[in-house]
């Protein structure tokens, strides 16, 4: 099949859509031709560069994707973007044999053949599409996060990871660094490729901070005892590693999934970044660091639920259900 994937990513919207679709694209490309479709604007530069680095053909469109779809004659178009409307799905369906959407929030009734929602709360949503792949069974994790061994949970916390996504559009990493400067831990801080002011972090010289500008995420996660993370797909990578973590919500689409993961005991959710203060942040962090049994329990639960084979299951389903 000839499969198109529309996704965007950059400084303002983050890189989550790009990263999860790349996982799926790699699986789909084993038996299909996969082409990315990306809108030509400054915001998407970081995402387009990452897609090209992974070796995928990329078609650029201006304001309207429809002429490009007419030209490509796709068998399946998978969209992972919030820049969509009911009219978008109605029109794209006319030009592509099958359509799919990767969703997080079920904003309206998407007129597609296939809906994919990998989040822990996906099965709570009332999707009506004929083909539905919902929940952690279909989690799109990179290969390095599959079949990982059980971690050793240290009684004393020494290393803490801070990662607020590939872009950190709210620039909250700066705030956290200020909050933790007097704590006696080693903080491993990931500076994503689409951060606005990467040079600023290169100029920081703090004894308890190590900065990563080209991070091996799996290696850092497995090194650290606790992680502070944005409430996006990184949370699922941390679960796969068995690393106890906090989530901080920095976007609307992170609210429900973070709350669900917290309610079932897989993470600790601190809520919205702009409602969080230093006192509550530090108290929550120290509480988890000082509770060895709780950290061990969170670690074991997370690894039990995550096997990392979601992208393969999605690919197998697509190949079976939509094969032309």
C-alpha atoms as a PDB file:
ATOM      1  CA  UNK A   1       0.000   0.000   0.000  1.00  0.00           C
ATOM      2  CA  UNK A   2       0.916   3.625  -0.421  1.00  0.00           C
ATOM      3  CA  UNK A   3       0.416   5.265   2.967  1.00  0.00           C
ATOM      4  CA  UNK A   4       0.584   8.960   3.791  1.00  0.00           C
ATOM      5  CA  UNK A   5       1.117  10.351   7.287  1.00  0.00           C
ATOM      6  CA  UNK A   6       0.305  13.949   8.073  1.00  0.00           C
ATOM      7  CA  UNK A   7       1.980  15.239  11.232  1.00  0.00           C
ATOM      8  CA  UNK A   8       3.400  18.487  12.564  1.00  0.00           C
ATOM      9  CA  UNK A   9       5.928  19.399  15.220  1.00  0.00           C
ATOM     10  CA  UNK A  10       8.037  22.324  16.360  1.00  0.00           C
ATOM     11  CA  UNK A  11       8.750  24.881  19.073  1.00  0.00           C
ATOM     12  CA  UNK A  12       5.142  25.820  19.863  1.00  0.00           C
ATOM     13  CA  UNK A  13       3.299  22.516  19.584  1.00  0.00           C
ATOM     14  CA  UNK A  14       6.103  20.191  20.637  1.00  0.00           C
ATOM     15  CA  UNK A  15       7.391  17.048  18.927  1.00  0.00           C
ATOM     16  CA  UNK A  16       4.996  14.407  20.267  1.00  0.00           C
ATOM     17  CA  UNK A  17       3.037  13.973  17.023  1.00  0.00           C
ATOM     18  CA  UNK A  18       6.242  13.549  15.048  1.00  0.00           C
ATOM     19  CA  UNK A  19       7.870  11.102  17.435  1.00  0.00           C
ATOM     20  CA  UNK A  20       4.933   8.715  17.768  1.00  0.00           C
ATOM     21  CA  UNK A  21       4.161   8.683  14.045  1.00  0.00           C
ATOM     22  CA  UNK A  22       7.803   7.917  13.269  1.00  0.00           C
ATOM     23  CA  UNK A  23       7.496   4.783  15.409  1.00  0.00           C
ATOM     24  CA  UNK A  24       4.430   3.724  13.431  1.00  0.00           C
ATOM     25  CA  UNK A  25       5.981   4.750  10.106  1.00  0.00           C
ATOM     26  CA  UNK A  26       8.946   2.452  10.691  1.00  0.00           C
ATOM     27  CA  UNK A  27       6.637  -0.500  11.264  1.00  0.00           C
ATOM     28  CA  UNK A  28       4.401   0.313   8.294  1.00  0.00           C
ATOM     29  CA  UNK A  29       7.378   0.797   5.976  1.00  0.00           C
ATOM     30  CA  UNK A  30       8.355  -2.867   6.372  1.00  0.00           C
ATOM     31  CA  UNK A  31       5.527  -3.796   4.012  1.00  0.00           C
ATOM     32  CA  UNK A  32       4.335  -0.483   2.540  1.00  0.00           C
ATOM     33  CA  UNK A  33       5.501   2.754   0.952  1.00  0.00           C
ATOM     34  CA  UNK A  34       5.245   5.518   3.557  1.00  0.00           C
ATOM     35  CA  UNK A  35       5.235   9.233   2.723  1.00  0.00           C
ATOM     36  CA  UNK A  36       4.973  12.145   5.144  1.00  0.00           C
ATOM     37  CA  UNK A  37       2.868  15.206   4.349  1.00  0.00           C
ATOM     38  CA  UNK A  38       3.810  18.391   6.226  1.00  0.00           C
ATOM     39  CA  UNK A  39       2.558  21.934   6.003  1.00  0.00           C
ATOM     40  CA  UNK A  40       5.127  24.479   4.865  1.00  0.00           C
ATOM     41  CA  UNK A  41       5.478  26.948   7.715  1.00  0.00           C
ATOM     42  CA  UNK A  42       8.131  28.043  10.171  1.00  0.00           C
ATOM     43  CA  UNK A  43       6.537  26.188  13.082  1.00  0.00           C
ATOM     44  CA  UNK A  44       6.989  22.814  11.369  1.00  0.00           C
ATOM     45  CA  UNK A  45      10.677  23.168  10.505  1.00  0.00           C
ATOM     46  CA  UNK A  46      11.869  21.092  13.483  1.00  0.00           C
ATOM     47  CA  UNK A  47       9.428  18.287  12.756  1.00  0.00           C
ATOM     48  CA  UNK A  48      10.244  18.172   9.049  1.00  0.00           C
ATOM     49  CA  UNK A  49      13.967  18.013   9.790  1.00  0.00           C
ATOM     50  CA  UNK A  50      13.445  15.101  12.190  1.00  0.00           C
ATOM     51  CA  UNK A  51      11.346  13.175   9.660  1.00  0.00           C
ATOM     52  CA  UNK A  52      14.009  13.622   6.980  1.00  0.00           C
ATOM     53  CA  UNK A  53      16.722  12.529   9.423  1.00  0.00           C
ATOM     54  CA  UNK A  54      14.836   9.245   9.799  1.00  0.00           C
ATOM     55  CA  UNK A  55      14.943   8.776   6.025  1.00  0.00           C
ATOM     56  CA  UNK A  56      11.279   9.207   5.111  1.00  0.00           C
ATOM     57  CA  UNK A  57      10.152  10.921   1.925  1.00  0.00           C
ATOM     58  CA  UNK A  58       8.436  14.191   2.798  1.00  0.00           C
ATOM     59  CA  UNK A  59       5.906  16.043   0.660  1.00  0.00           C
ATOM     60  CA  UNK A  60       5.382  19.695   1.573  1.00  0.00           C
ATOM     61  CA  UNK A  61       2.075  21.472   1.038  1.00  0.00           C
ATOM     62  CA  UNK A  62       1.164  25.128   1.487  1.00  0.00           C
ATOM     63  CA  UNK A  63      -2.242  25.988   2.943  1.00  0.00           C
ATOM     64  CA  UNK A  64      -4.276  23.211   1.326  1.00  0.00           C
ATOM     65  CA  UNK A  65      -3.393  19.520   1.516  1.00  0.00           C
ATOM     66  CA  UNK A  66      -6.004  18.469  -1.068  1.00  0.00           C
ATOM     67  CA  UNK A  67      -3.970  19.126  -4.264  1.00  0.00           C
ATOM     68  CA  UNK A  68      -1.123  17.078  -2.812  1.00  0.00           C
ATOM     69  CA  UNK A  69      -3.485  14.187  -2.007  1.00  0.00           C
ATOM     70  CA  UNK A  70      -4.877  14.295  -5.538  1.00  0.00           C
ATOM     71  CA  UNK A  71      -1.327  14.063  -6.881  1.00  0.00           C
ATOM     72  CA  UNK A  72      -0.174  11.229  -4.607  1.00  0.00           C
ATOM     73  CA  UNK A  73      -3.129   8.824  -5.005  1.00  0.00           C
ATOM     74  CA  UNK A  74      -2.773   7.302  -1.525  1.00  0.00           C
ATOM     75  CA  UNK A  75      -4.369   4.080  -0.330  1.00  0.00           C
ATOM     76  CA  UNK A  76      -4.422   5.315   3.283  1.00  0.00           C
ATOM     77  CA  UNK A  77      -3.938   8.714   4.920  1.00  0.00           C
ATOM     78  CA  UNK A  78      -3.201   8.789   8.658  1.00  0.00           C
ATOM     79  CA  UNK A  79      -3.452  12.241  10.238  1.00  0.00           C
ATOM     80  CA  UNK A  80      -1.844  13.194  13.546  1.00  0.00           C
ATOM     81  CA  UNK A  81      -2.536  16.904  13.896  1.00  0.00           C
ATOM     82  CA  UNK A  82      -4.810  19.255  15.798  1.00  0.00           C
ATOM     83  CA  UNK A  83      -5.107  21.483  12.715  1.00  0.00           C
ATOM     84  CA  UNK A  84      -8.181  19.570  11.552  1.00  0.00           C
ATOM     85  CA  UNK A  85     -11.903  20.244  11.213  1.00  0.00           C
ATOM     86  CA  UNK A  86     -14.957  18.181  10.217  1.00  0.00           C
ATOM     87  CA  UNK A  87     -14.549  19.662   6.732  1.00  0.00           C
ATOM     88  CA  UNK A  88     -10.928  18.447   6.571  1.00  0.00           C
ATOM     89  CA  UNK A  89     -11.967  14.833   7.142  1.00  0.00           C
ATOM     90  CA  UNK A  90     -14.904  15.119   4.745  1.00  0.00           C
ATOM     91  CA  UNK A  91     -12.708  16.424   1.929  1.00  0.00           C
ATOM     92  CA  UNK A  92      -9.695  14.156   2.463  1.00  0.00           C
ATOM     93  CA  UNK A  93     -11.961  11.103   2.476  1.00  0.00           C
ATOM     94  CA  UNK A  94     -12.993  11.923  -1.099  1.00  0.00           C
ATOM     95  CA  UNK A  95      -9.385  11.731  -2.313  1.00  0.00           C
ATOM     96  CA  UNK A  96      -8.005   8.748  -0.370  1.00  0.00           C
ATOM     97  CA  UNK A  97      -9.263   5.146  -0.331  1.00  0.00           C
ATOM     98  CA  UNK A  98      -9.062   4.930   3.480  1.00  0.00           C
ATOM     99  CA  UNK A  99      -8.471   7.498   6.223  1.00  0.00           C
ATOM    100  CA  UNK A 100      -7.322   7.294   9.830  1.00  0.00           C
ATOM    101  CA  UNK A 101      -6.722   9.667  12.719  1.00  0.00           C
ATOM    102  CA  UNK A 102      -4.409   9.454  15.733  1.00  0.00           C
ATOM    103  CA  UNK A 103      -6.320  11.141  18.528  1.00  0.00           C
ATOM    104  CA  UNK A 104      -5.981  12.165  22.173  1.00  0.00           C
ATOM    105  CA  UNK A 105      -9.130  14.104  23.106  1.00  0.00           C
ATOM    106  CA  UNK A 106     -12.127  13.036  20.953  1.00  0.00           C
ATOM    107  CA  UNK A 107     -12.987  16.648  20.166  1.00  0.00           C
ATOM    108  CA  UNK A 108     -15.703  15.794  17.641  1.00  0.00           C
ATOM    109  CA  UNK A 109     -16.944  12.863  15.559  1.00  0.00           C
ATOM    110  CA  UNK A 110     -14.058  12.310  13.152  1.00  0.00           C
ATOM    111  CA  UNK A 111     -15.233  11.071   9.752  1.00  0.00           C
ATOM    112  CA  UNK A 112     -12.515   8.445   9.292  1.00  0.00           C
ATOM    113  CA  UNK A 113     -12.341   4.698   8.819  1.00  0.00           C
ATOM    114  CA  UNK A 114      -9.790   4.125  11.588  1.00  0.00           C
ATOM    115  CA  UNK A 115      -9.258   5.824  14.942  1.00  0.00           C
ATOM    116  CA  UNK A 116      -6.079   5.252  16.973  1.00  0.00           C
ATOM    117  CA  UNK A 117      -5.789   6.468  20.566  1.00  0.00           C
ATOM    118  CA  UNK A 118      -2.855   5.016  22.496  1.00  0.00           C
ATOM    119  CA  UNK A 119      -3.610   6.739  25.807  1.00  0.00           C
ATOM    120  CA  UNK A 120      -4.567   5.065  29.071  1.00  0.00           C
ATOM    121  CA  UNK A 121      -7.945   6.832  29.048  1.00  0.00           C
ATOM    122  CA  UNK A 122      -8.817   6.020  25.419  1.00  0.00           C
ATOM    123  CA  UNK A 123     -11.371   3.331  26.208  1.00  0.00           C
ATOM    124  CA  UNK A 124     -13.305   5.832  28.355  1.00  0.00           C
ATOM    125  CA  UNK A 125     -14.090   7.844  25.221  1.00  0.00           C
ATOM    126  CA  UNK A 126     -17.129   7.100  23.066  1.00  0.00           C
ATOM    127  CA  UNK A 127     -15.679   6.568  19.621  1.00  0.00           C
ATOM    128  CA  UNK A 128     -18.101   5.477  16.884  1.00  0.00           C
ATOM    129  CA  UNK A 129     -15.713   4.686  14.025  1.00  0.00           C
ATOM    130  CA  UNK A 130     -15.844   1.197  12.519  1.00  0.00           C
ATOM    131  CA  UNK A 131     -12.184   0.462  13.204  1.00  0.00           C
ATOM    132  CA  UNK A 132     -10.910   1.430  16.681  1.00  0.00           C
ATOM    133  CA  UNK A 133      -7.491   0.729  18.209  1.00  0.00           C
ATOM    134  CA  UNK A 134      -7.637   2.046  21.760  1.00  0.00           C
ATOM    135  CA  UNK A 135      -5.514   2.029  24.887  1.00  0.00           C
ATOM    136  CA  UNK A 136      -2.059   0.987  26.034  1.00  0.00           C
ATOM    137  CA  UNK A 137      -2.184  -2.157  23.878  1.00  0.00           C
ATOM    138  CA  UNK A 138      -1.554   0.164  20.914  1.00  0.00           C
ATOM    139  CA  UNK A 139       1.094   2.344  22.523  1.00  0.00           C
ATOM    140  CA  UNK A 140       3.616   3.519  19.912  1.00  0.00           C
ATOM    141  CA  UNK A 141       6.985   3.159  21.640  1.00  0.00           C
ATOM    142  CA  UNK A 142      10.383   3.384  20.010  1.00  0.00           C
ATOM    143  CA  UNK A 143      12.316   0.140  19.665  1.00  0.00           C
ATOM    144  CA  UNK A 144      14.742   0.969  22.480  1.00  0.00           C
ATOM    145  CA  UNK A 145      11.838   0.924  24.950  1.00  0.00           C
ATOM    146  CA  UNK A 146      10.711  -2.606  24.176  1.00  0.00           C
ATOM    147  CA  UNK A 147      11.342  -5.644  26.367  1.00  0.00           C
ATOM    148  CA  UNK A 148      13.483  -3.802  28.907  1.00  0.00           C
ATOM    149  CA  UNK A 149      14.776  -5.633  32.004  1.00  0.00           C
ATOM    150  CA  UNK A 150      13.490  -4.825  35.481  1.00  0.00           C
ATOM    151  CA  UNK A 151      15.368  -1.841  36.959  1.00  0.00           C
ATOM    152  CA  UNK A 152      17.078  -1.863  40.313  1.00  0.00           C
ATOM    153  CA  UNK A 153      15.248   0.530  42.645  1.00  0.00           C
ATOM    154  CA  UNK A 154      17.755   2.271  44.894  1.00  0.00           C
ATOM    155  CA  UNK A 155      16.719   2.948  48.468  1.00  0.00           C
ATOM    156  CA  UNK A 156      18.411   6.322  48.314  1.00  0.00           C
ATOM    157  CA  UNK A 157      17.534   8.627  45.418  1.00  0.00           C
ATOM    158  CA  UNK A 158      20.562  10.258  43.840  1.00  0.00           C
ATOM    159  CA  UNK A 159      19.706  10.999  40.201  1.00  0.00           C
ATOM    160  CA  UNK A 160      16.598  12.821  38.969  1.00  0.00           C
ATOM    161  CA  UNK A 161      15.681  13.440  35.337  1.00  0.00           C
ATOM    162  CA  UNK A 162      13.859  16.545  34.076  1.00  0.00           C
ATOM    163  CA  UNK A 163      12.305  16.360  30.617  1.00  0.00           C
ATOM    164  CA  UNK A 164       9.572  18.657  29.342  1.00  0.00           C
ATOM    165  CA  UNK A 165       9.435  17.464  25.765  1.00  0.00           C
ATOM    166  CA  UNK A 166      11.278  18.191  22.556  1.00  0.00           C
ATOM    167  CA  UNK A 167      10.240  21.851  22.580  1.00  0.00           C
ATOM    168  CA  UNK A 168       9.040  22.930  26.059  1.00  0.00           C
ATOM    169  CA  UNK A 169       6.823  25.653  24.538  1.00  0.00           C
ATOM    170  CA  UNK A 170       5.944  26.981  28.018  1.00  0.00           C
ATOM    171  CA  UNK A 171       9.662  27.273  28.906  1.00  0.00           C
ATOM    172  CA  UNK A 172       8.985  25.661  32.277  1.00  0.00           C
ATOM    173  CA  UNK A 173      12.358  23.916  32.408  1.00  0.00           C
ATOM    174  CA  UNK A 174      13.918  27.231  33.454  1.00  0.00           C
ATOM    175  CA  UNK A 175      11.540  27.491  36.405  1.00  0.00           C
ATOM    176  CA  UNK A 176      12.226  23.960  37.631  1.00  0.00           C
ATOM    177  CA  UNK A 177      15.982  24.541  37.483  1.00  0.00           C
ATOM    178  CA  UNK A 178      15.544  27.554  39.770  1.00  0.00           C
ATOM    179  CA  UNK A 179      13.365  25.554  42.169  1.00  0.00           C
ATOM    180  CA  UNK A 180      15.812  22.648  42.565  1.00  0.00           C
ATOM    181  CA  UNK A 181      19.093  24.565  42.751  1.00  0.00           C
ATOM    182  CA  UNK A 182      19.480  23.977  46.502  1.00  0.00           C
ATOM    183  CA  UNK A 183      18.491  20.292  46.564  1.00  0.00           C
ATOM    184  CA  UNK A 184      21.134  17.635  47.155  1.00  0.00           C
ATOM    185  CA  UNK A 185      20.396  15.494  44.103  1.00  0.00           C
ATOM    186  CA  UNK A 186      22.021  15.270  40.688  1.00  0.00           C
ATOM    187  CA  UNK A 187      19.544  16.595  38.091  1.00  0.00           C
ATOM    188  CA  UNK A 188      19.794  15.304  34.527  1.00  0.00           C
ATOM    189  CA  UNK A 189      18.068  17.894  32.343  1.00  0.00           C
ATOM    190  CA  UNK A 190      17.076  17.167  28.744  1.00  0.00           C
ATOM    191  CA  UNK A 191      17.125  20.126  26.346  1.00  0.00           C
ATOM    192  CA  UNK A 192      15.107  19.126  23.286  1.00  0.00           C
ATOM    193  CA  UNK A 193      16.045  19.915  19.705  1.00  0.00           C
ATOM    194  CA  UNK A 194      13.218  22.462  19.356  1.00  0.00           C
ATOM    195  CA  UNK A 195      13.845  24.454  22.565  1.00  0.00           C
ATOM    196  CA  UNK A 196      13.809  28.185  21.820  1.00  0.00           C
ATOM    197  CA  UNK A 197      16.877  29.204  23.828  1.00  0.00           C
ATOM    198  CA  UNK A 198      19.260  26.274  23.793  1.00  0.00           C
ATOM    199  CA  UNK A 199      22.267  28.593  24.245  1.00  0.00           C
ATOM    200  CA  UNK A 200      20.830  29.807  27.553  1.00  0.00           C
ATOM    201  CA  UNK A 201      21.114  26.322  29.058  1.00  0.00           C
ATOM    202  CA  UNK A 202      24.658  25.917  27.751  1.00  0.00           C
ATOM    203  CA  UNK A 203      25.623  28.953  29.816  1.00  0.00           C
ATOM    204  CA  UNK A 204      24.268  27.561  33.117  1.00  0.00           C
ATOM    205  CA  UNK A 205      26.901  26.309  35.530  1.00  0.00           C
ATOM    206  CA  UNK A 206      25.339  24.567  38.530  1.00  0.00           C
ATOM    207  CA  UNK A 207      27.007  21.771  40.454  1.00  0.00           C
ATOM    208  CA  UNK A 208      23.820  19.714  40.735  1.00  0.00           C
ATOM    209  CA  UNK A 209      22.760  19.982  37.066  1.00  0.00           C
ATOM    210  CA  UNK A 210      23.877  18.034  33.995  1.00  0.00           C
ATOM    211  CA  UNK A 211      22.440  19.118  30.630  1.00  0.00           C
ATOM    212  CA  UNK A 212      21.821  16.888  27.595  1.00  0.00           C
ATOM    213  CA  UNK A 213      21.447  18.487  24.161  1.00  0.00           C
ATOM    214  CA  UNK A 214      21.394  15.265  22.155  1.00  0.00           C
ATOM    215  CA  UNK A 215      19.952  12.904  24.725  1.00  0.00           C
ATOM    216  CA  UNK A 216      19.887   9.117  24.725  1.00  0.00           C
ATOM    217  CA  UNK A 217      16.525   9.092  26.484  1.00  0.00           C
ATOM    218  CA  UNK A 218      16.399   5.399  27.335  1.00  0.00           C
ATOM    219  CA  UNK A 219      19.866   5.511  28.872  1.00  0.00           C
ATOM    220  CA  UNK A 220      19.089   8.577  31.029  1.00  0.00           C
ATOM    221  CA  UNK A 221      15.701   7.218  32.126  1.00  0.00           C
ATOM    222  CA  UNK A 222      17.227   3.953  33.248  1.00  0.00           C
ATOM    223  CA  UNK A 223      20.056   5.769  35.050  1.00  0.00           C
ATOM    224  CA  UNK A 224      17.731   7.984  37.088  1.00  0.00           C
ATOM    225  CA  UNK A 225      15.778   7.081  40.212  1.00  0.00           C
ATOM    226  CA  UNK A 226      12.909   9.521  39.562  1.00  0.00           C
ATOM    227  CA  UNK A 227      11.806  11.633  36.590  1.00  0.00           C
ATOM    228  CA  UNK A 228       9.869  14.891  36.280  1.00  0.00           C
ATOM    229  CA  UNK A 229       8.189  14.857  32.865  1.00  0.00           C
ATOM    230  CA  UNK A 230       5.664  16.725  30.787  1.00  0.00           C
ATOM    231  CA  UNK A 231       2.387  14.826  30.546  1.00  0.00           C
ATOM    232  CA  UNK A 232       2.890  13.584  26.986  1.00  0.00           C
ATOM    233  CA  UNK A 233       4.100  10.352  25.414  1.00  0.00           C
ATOM    234  CA  UNK A 234       7.360  10.456  27.413  1.00  0.00           C
ATOM    235  CA  UNK A 235       5.344   9.190  30.379  1.00  0.00           C
ATOM    236  CA  UNK A 236       4.788   5.903  28.578  1.00  0.00           C
ATOM    237  CA  UNK A 237       8.501   5.537  27.842  1.00  0.00           C
ATOM    238  CA  UNK A 238       9.178   6.020  31.537  1.00  0.00           C
ATOM    239  CA  UNK A 239       6.626   3.333  32.399  1.00  0.00           C
ATOM    240  CA  UNK A 240       8.371   0.964  30.008  1.00  0.00           C
ATOM    241  CA  UNK A 241      11.689   1.693  31.737  1.00  0.00           C
ATOM    242  CA  UNK A 242      10.159   1.225  35.182  1.00  0.00           C
ATOM    243  CA  UNK A 243      11.237   4.718  36.254  1.00  0.00           C
ATOM    244  CA  UNK A 244       8.929   6.322  38.868  1.00  0.00           C
ATOM    245  CA  UNK A 245       7.803   9.706  37.624  1.00  0.00           C
ATOM    246  CA  UNK A 246       5.815  12.886  38.095  1.00  0.00           C
ATOM    247  CA  UNK A 247       3.793  14.408  35.290  1.00  0.00           C
ATOM    248  CA  UNK A 248       3.377  18.137  34.754  1.00  0.00           C
ATOM    249  CA  UNK A 249       0.569  19.131  32.388  1.00  0.00           C
ATOM    250  CA  UNK A 250       1.654  21.690  29.791  1.00  0.00           C
ATOM    251  CA  UNK A 251      -1.097  21.190  27.167  1.00  0.00           C
ATOM    252  CA  UNK A 252      -4.833  20.458  27.105  1.00  0.00           C
ATOM    253  CA  UNK A 253      -4.382  17.073  25.466  1.00  0.00           C
ATOM    254  CA  UNK A 254      -2.308  15.853  28.448  1.00  0.00           C
ATOM    255  CA  UNK A 255      -4.936  16.385  31.146  1.00  0.00           C
ATOM    256  CA  UNK A 256      -7.113  13.280  30.901  1.00  0.00           C
ATOM    257  CA  UNK A 257      -4.303  10.790  30.271  1.00  0.00           C
ATOM    258  CA  UNK A 258      -2.176  12.159  33.139  1.00  0.00           C
ATOM    259  CA  UNK A 259      -5.130  11.974  35.515  1.00  0.00           C
ATOM    260  CA  UNK A 260      -5.944   8.422  34.417  1.00  0.00           C
ATOM    261  CA  UNK A 261      -2.355   7.225  34.858  1.00  0.00           C
ATOM    262  CA  UNK A 262      -2.253   8.833  38.289  1.00  0.00           C
ATOM    263  CA  UNK A 263      -5.594   7.370  39.361  1.00  0.00           C
ATOM    264  CA  UNK A 264      -4.468   3.826  38.535  1.00  0.00           C
ATOM    265  CA  UNK A 265      -1.206   4.308  40.416  1.00  0.00           C
ATOM    266  CA  UNK A 266       1.281   4.423  37.533  1.00  0.00           C
ATOM    267  CA  UNK A 267       2.535   7.994  38.001  1.00  0.00           C
ATOM    268  CA  UNK A 268       2.117  10.986  40.306  1.00  0.00           C
ATOM    269  CA  UNK A 269       0.379  13.864  38.545  1.00  0.00           C
ATOM    270  CA  UNK A 270       1.210  17.400  39.684  1.00  0.00           C
ATOM    271  CA  UNK A 271      -1.350  19.009  37.371  1.00  0.00           C
ATOM    272  CA  UNK A 272      -1.014  22.178  35.334  1.00  0.00           C
ATOM    273  CA  UNK A 273       2.402  23.840  35.266  1.00  0.00           C
ATOM    274  CA  UNK A 274       0.932  27.312  35.875  1.00  0.00           C
ATOM    275  CA  UNK A 275      -0.916  26.136  39.008  1.00  0.00           C
ATOM    276  CA  UNK A 276       2.213  24.618  40.533  1.00  0.00           C
ATOM    277  CA  UNK A 277       4.367  26.470  43.059  1.00  0.00           C
ATOM    278  CA  UNK A 278       7.836  25.770  44.394  1.00  0.00           C
ATOM    279  CA  UNK A 279       6.672  24.657  47.838  1.00  0.00           C
ATOM    280  CA  UNK A 280       4.236  22.025  46.529  1.00  0.00           C
ATOM    281  CA  UNK A 281       6.693  20.862  43.877  1.00  0.00           C
ATOM    282  CA  UNK A 282       9.538  20.322  46.346  1.00  0.00           C
ATOM    283  CA  UNK A 283       7.298  18.658  48.945  1.00  0.00           C
ATOM    284  CA  UNK A 284       5.909  16.211  46.347  1.00  0.00           C
ATOM    285  CA  UNK A 285       9.350  15.401  45.001  1.00  0.00           C
ATOM    286  CA  UNK A 286      10.851  14.754  48.439  1.00  0.00           C
ATOM    287  CA  UNK A 287       7.867  12.625  49.480  1.00  0.00           C
ATOM    288  CA  UNK A 288       8.358  10.248  46.553  1.00  0.00           C
ATOM    289  CA  UNK A 289      12.141  10.226  46.912  1.00  0.00           C
ATOM    290  CA  UNK A 290      11.822   9.233  50.570  1.00  0.00           C
ATOM    291  CA  UNK A 291       9.272   6.450  50.005  1.00  0.00           C
ATOM    292  CA  UNK A 292      11.212   3.458  48.675  1.00  0.00           C
ATOM    293  CA  UNK A 293       8.224   1.074  48.746  1.00  0.00           C
ATOM    294  CA  UNK A 294       6.052   3.469  46.741  1.00  0.00           C
ATOM    295  CA  UNK A 295       8.730   3.956  44.092  1.00  0.00           C
ATOM    296  CA  UNK A 296       9.183   0.201  43.760  1.00  0.00           C
ATOM    297  CA  UNK A 297       5.414  -0.342  43.465  1.00  0.00           C
ATOM    298  CA  UNK A 298       5.042   2.328  40.758  1.00  0.00           C
ATOM    299  CA  UNK A 299       7.976   0.880  38.830  1.00  0.00           C
ATOM    300  CA  UNK A 300       6.603  -2.666  38.844  1.00  0.00           C
ATOM    301  CA  UNK A 301       3.074  -1.624  37.835  1.00  0.00           C
ATOM    302  CA  UNK A 302       4.295   0.414  34.897  1.00  0.00           C
ATOM    303  CA  UNK A 303       6.504  -2.240  33.388  1.00  0.00           C
ATOM    304  CA  UNK A 304       3.789  -4.864  33.827  1.00  0.00           C
ATOM    305  CA  UNK A 305       1.343  -2.915  31.637  1.00  0.00           C
ATOM    306  CA  UNK A 306       3.714  -1.789  28.879  1.00  0.00           C
ATOM    307  CA  UNK A 307       5.218  -4.264  26.402  1.00  0.00           C
ATOM    308  CA  UNK A 308       6.189  -1.836  23.606  1.00  0.00           C
ATOM    309  CA  UNK A 309       4.536  -3.780  20.779  1.00  0.00           C
ATOM    310  CA  UNK A 310       1.716  -1.314  20.070  1.00  0.00           C
ATOM    311  CA  UNK A 311       3.074   0.043  16.776  1.00  0.00           C
ATOM    312  CA  UNK A 312       3.474  -3.480  15.419  1.00  0.00           C
ATOM    313  CA  UNK A 313      -0.127  -4.299  16.405  1.00  0.00           C
ATOM    314  CA  UNK A 314      -1.365  -1.176  14.612  1.00  0.00           C
ATOM    315  CA  UNK A 315       0.686  -1.979  11.527  1.00  0.00           C
ATOM    316  CA  UNK A 316      -0.521  -5.588  11.463  1.00  0.00           C
ATOM    317  CA  UNK A 317      -4.136  -4.432  11.804  1.00  0.00           C
ATOM    318  CA  UNK A 318      -3.787  -1.920   8.982  1.00  0.00           C
ATOM    319  CA  UNK A 319      -2.111  -4.445   6.692  1.00  0.00           C
ATOM    320  CA  UNK A 320      -4.870  -6.962   7.358  1.00  0.00           C
ATOM    321  CA  UNK A 321      -7.888  -4.618   7.294  1.00  0.00           C
ATOM    322  CA  UNK A 322      -7.001  -2.142   4.560  1.00  0.00           C
ATOM    323  CA  UNK A 323      -4.783  -4.119   2.217  1.00  0.00           C
ATOM    324  CA  UNK A 324      -5.570  -3.130  -1.358  1.00  0.00           C
END
